Amino acid sequence: VQLVESGGGLVQAGGSLRLSCAASGVTSTLAQMGWFRQAPGNEREFVAQITWSGGSTDFGDSVKDRFTISRDNTENTVYLQMNSLKSEDTAAYYCTARTRYLGDYWGQGTQVTVSS
């Protein structure tokens, strides 16, 4: 499974961005997809995840009520809609995919920078 993220960039505090992650390869084994982030000097932090079949979602405490996650099963793409962005949301955002038989996969990351 290969993951390609897009949509990162520079945004002012209070603004919005939408990240996309397109999966290719053996996508029939996908069980869930999600996002983590990592700021310089910090540990990698869970952001959000969505199950591939039922669409159940889960969010990290720091992004609840501001971020939403959705998926397009036909396009094998997961989206992270980020609203009310804060400077502390600045980080590299990594897409991840968990498969039923082939393990976990990570994208290369996309940078999100929120200016205050």
C-alpha atoms as a PDB file:
ATOM      1  CA  VAL A   1       0.000   0.000   0.000  1.00  0.00           C
ATOM      2  CA  GLN A   2       1.339   3.418  -0.956  1.00  0.00           C
ATOM      3  CA  LEU A   3       0.079   6.633   0.623  1.00  0.00           C
ATOM      4  CA  VAL A   4       0.377  10.108  -0.890  1.00  0.00           C
ATOM      5  CA  GLU A   5      -0.632  13.135   1.172  1.00  0.00           C
ATOM      6  CA  SER A   6      -1.518  16.553  -0.148  1.00  0.00           C
ATOM      7  CA  GLY A   7      -3.126  19.771   1.010  1.00  0.00           C
ATOM      8  CA  GLY A   8      -0.660  21.095   3.532  1.00  0.00           C
ATOM      9  CA  GLY A   9       0.504  24.672   3.546  1.00  0.00           C
ATOM     10  CA  LEU A  10       0.542  27.967   5.380  1.00  0.00           C
ATOM     11  CA  VAL A  11      -2.639  29.343   6.919  1.00  0.00           C
ATOM     12  CA  GLN A  12      -3.494  32.045   9.416  1.00  0.00           C
ATOM     13  CA  ALA A  13      -4.796  31.176  12.848  1.00  0.00           C
ATOM     14  CA  GLY A  14      -8.529  30.627  12.720  1.00  0.00           C
ATOM     15  CA  GLY A  15      -8.388  29.432   9.150  1.00  0.00           C
ATOM     16  CA  SER A  16      -9.013  26.037   7.593  1.00  0.00           C
ATOM     17  CA  LEU A  17      -7.165  23.466   5.544  1.00  0.00           C
ATOM     18  CA  ARG A  18      -8.122  20.102   4.111  1.00  0.00           C
ATOM     19  CA  LEU A  19      -5.568  17.332   3.851  1.00  0.00           C
ATOM     20  CA  SER A  20      -5.989  14.411   1.490  1.00  0.00           C
ATOM     21  CA  CYS A  21      -4.339  11.017   1.496  1.00  0.00           C
ATOM     22  CA  ALA A  22      -4.688   8.736  -1.495  1.00  0.00           C
ATOM     23  CA  ALA A  23      -3.956   5.043  -1.077  1.00  0.00           C
ATOM     24  CA  SER A  24      -2.867   2.785  -3.886  1.00  0.00           C
ATOM     25  CA  GLY A  25      -1.720  -0.807  -4.152  1.00  0.00           C
ATOM     26  CA  VAL A  26      -3.507  -3.562  -2.259  1.00  0.00           C
ATOM     27  CA  THR A  27      -6.290  -1.293  -1.030  1.00  0.00           C
ATOM     28  CA  SER A  28      -8.764  -4.159  -0.677  1.00  0.00           C
ATOM     29  CA  THR A  29      -7.081  -4.996   2.640  1.00  0.00           C
ATOM     30  CA  LEU A  30      -7.590  -1.559   4.183  1.00  0.00           C
ATOM     31  CA  ALA A  31      -9.124  -1.685   7.660  1.00  0.00           C
ATOM     32  CA  GLN A  32      -8.699   1.901   8.775  1.00  0.00           C
ATOM     33  CA  MET A  33      -6.881   5.089   7.850  1.00  0.00           C
ATOM     34  CA  GLY A  34      -5.907   8.054   9.902  1.00  0.00           C
ATOM     35  CA  TRP A  35      -3.580  10.904  10.658  1.00  0.00           C
ATOM     36  CA  PHE A  36      -0.807  11.578  13.113  1.00  0.00           C
ATOM     37  CA  ARG A  37       1.251  14.718  13.451  1.00  0.00           C
ATOM     38  CA  GLN A  38       4.646  15.644  14.779  1.00  0.00           C
ATOM     39  CA  ALA A  39       6.001  19.061  15.632  1.00  0.00           C
ATOM     40  CA  PRO A  40       9.751  19.672  16.022  1.00  0.00           C
ATOM     41  CA  GLY A  41      10.946  18.426  19.387  1.00  0.00           C
ATOM     42  CA  ASN A  42       7.646  16.681  20.123  1.00  0.00           C
ATOM     43  CA  GLU A  43       6.546  13.077  19.983  1.00  0.00           C
ATOM     44  CA  ARG A  44       4.248  11.899  17.231  1.00  0.00           C
ATOM     45  CA  GLU A  45       0.646  12.634  18.227  1.00  0.00           C
ATOM     46  CA  PHE A  46      -2.557  10.885  17.220  1.00  0.00           C
ATOM     47  CA  VAL A  47      -4.945  13.172  15.350  1.00  0.00           C
ATOM     48  CA  ALA A  48      -7.809  11.155  13.888  1.00  0.00           C
ATOM     49  CA  GLN A  49      -8.778   7.820  12.385  1.00  0.00           C
ATOM     50  CA  ILE A  50     -11.670   6.301  10.467  1.00  0.00           C
ATOM     51  CA  THR A  51     -12.594   2.685   9.875  1.00  0.00           C
ATOM     52  CA  TRP A  52     -12.756   1.785   6.229  1.00  0.00           C
ATOM     53  CA  SER A  53     -15.974  -0.225   6.211  1.00  0.00           C
ATOM     54  CA  GLY A  54     -18.220   1.354   8.833  1.00  0.00           C
ATOM     55  CA  GLY A  55     -16.769   4.860   8.889  1.00  0.00           C
ATOM     56  CA  SER A  56     -16.421   5.029  12.671  1.00  0.00           C
ATOM     57  CA  THR A  57     -14.212   7.912  13.726  1.00  0.00           C
ATOM     58  CA  ASP A  58     -11.979   8.811  16.626  1.00  0.00           C
ATOM     59  CA  PHE A  59     -10.069  12.001  17.398  1.00  0.00           C
ATOM     60  CA  GLY A  60      -7.273  13.172  19.603  1.00  0.00           C
ATOM     61  CA  ASP A  61      -8.357  15.397  22.463  1.00  0.00           C
ATOM     62  CA  SER A  62      -6.529  18.429  21.106  1.00  0.00           C
ATOM     63  CA  VAL A  63      -8.466  18.436  17.810  1.00  0.00           C
ATOM     64  CA  LYS A  64     -11.927  17.273  18.850  1.00  0.00           C
ATOM     65  CA  ASP A  65     -14.683  19.622  17.704  1.00  0.00           C
ATOM     66  CA  ARG A  66     -12.317  21.334  15.237  1.00  0.00           C
ATOM     67  CA  PHE A  67     -11.202  18.554  12.875  1.00  0.00           C
ATOM     68  CA  THR A  68     -13.274  16.047  10.954  1.00  0.00           C
ATOM     69  CA  ILE A  69     -12.186  12.970   9.040  1.00  0.00           C
ATOM     70  CA  SER A  70     -13.952  11.355   6.120  1.00  0.00           C
ATOM     71  CA  ARG A  71     -13.216   8.805   3.431  1.00  0.00           C
ATOM     72  CA  ASP A  72     -14.094   8.066  -0.143  1.00  0.00           C
ATOM     73  CA  ASN A  73     -13.994   4.316  -0.553  1.00  0.00           C
ATOM     74  CA  THR A  74     -14.271   4.499  -4.328  1.00  0.00           C
ATOM     75  CA  GLU A  75     -11.222   6.779  -4.562  1.00  0.00           C
ATOM     76  CA  ASN A  76      -9.362   5.097  -1.673  1.00  0.00           C
ATOM     77  CA  THR A  77      -8.835   8.540  -0.194  1.00  0.00           C
ATOM     78  CA  VAL A  78      -9.143   9.881   3.324  1.00  0.00           C
ATOM     79  CA  TYR A  79      -9.642  13.554   4.107  1.00  0.00           C
ATOM     80  CA  LEU A  80      -8.837  15.588   7.198  1.00  0.00           C
ATOM     81  CA  GLN A  81     -10.783  18.825   7.411  1.00  0.00           C
ATOM     82  CA  MET A  82      -9.089  21.156   9.850  1.00  0.00           C
ATOM     83  CA  ASN A  83     -11.018  24.190  11.076  1.00  0.00           C
ATOM     84  CA  SER A  84     -10.275  26.888  13.625  1.00  0.00           C
ATOM     85  CA  LEU A  85      -6.590  26.211  13.258  1.00  0.00           C
ATOM     86  CA  LYS A  86      -4.252  27.289  16.021  1.00  0.00           C
ATOM     87  CA  SER A  87      -0.504  27.888  16.052  1.00  0.00           C
ATOM     88  CA  GLU A  88      -0.115  24.716  18.085  1.00  0.00           C
ATOM     89  CA  ASP A  89      -1.520  22.738  15.162  1.00  0.00           C
ATOM     90  CA  THR A  90       1.695  23.486  13.273  1.00  0.00           C
ATOM     91  CA  ALA A  91       3.326  20.150  12.505  1.00  0.00           C
ATOM     92  CA  ALA A  92       4.118  17.613   9.859  1.00  0.00           C
ATOM     93  CA  TYR A  93       0.977  15.554   9.277  1.00  0.00           C
ATOM     94  CA  TYR A  94       1.342  11.898   8.400  1.00  0.00           C
ATOM     95  CA  CYS A  95      -1.267   9.678   6.854  1.00  0.00           C
ATOM     96  CA  THR A  96      -1.400   6.109   8.073  1.00  0.00           C
ATOM     97  CA  ALA A  97      -3.199   3.007   6.890  1.00  0.00           C
ATOM     98  CA  ARG A  98      -3.848  -0.199   8.778  1.00  0.00           C
ATOM     99  CA  THR A  99      -4.508  -3.274   6.716  1.00  0.00           C
ATOM    100  CA  ARG A 100      -6.060  -6.575   7.685  1.00  0.00           C
ATOM    101  CA  TYR A 101      -3.145  -8.734   6.588  1.00  0.00           C
ATOM    102  CA  LEU A 102      -0.257  -6.569   5.462  1.00  0.00           C
ATOM    103  CA  GLY A 103       0.498  -4.425   8.492  1.00  0.00           C
ATOM    104  CA  ASP A 104       0.618  -0.654   8.841  1.00  0.00           C
ATOM    105  CA  TYR A 105       1.792   1.930   6.315  1.00  0.00           C
ATOM    106  CA  TRP A 106       2.808   5.582   6.563  1.00  0.00           C
ATOM    107  CA  GLY A 107       2.920   8.435   4.123  1.00  0.00           C
ATOM    108  CA  GLN A 108       5.855  10.802   3.796  1.00  0.00           C
ATOM    109  CA  GLY A 109       4.077  13.660   5.512  1.00  0.00           C
ATOM    110  CA  THR A 110       2.789  17.085   4.596  1.00  0.00           C
ATOM    111  CA  GLN A 111       3.650  20.266   6.471  1.00  0.00           C
ATOM    112  CA  VAL A 112       0.977  22.430   8.033  1.00  0.00           C
ATOM    113  CA  THR A 113       2.051  25.816   9.359  1.00  0.00           C
ATOM    114  CA  VAL A 114      -0.367  28.063  11.215  1.00  0.00           C
ATOM    115  CA  SER A 115       0.704  31.658  11.641  1.00  0.00           C
ATOM    116  CA  SER A 116      -0.547  33.634  14.605  1.00  0.00           C
END
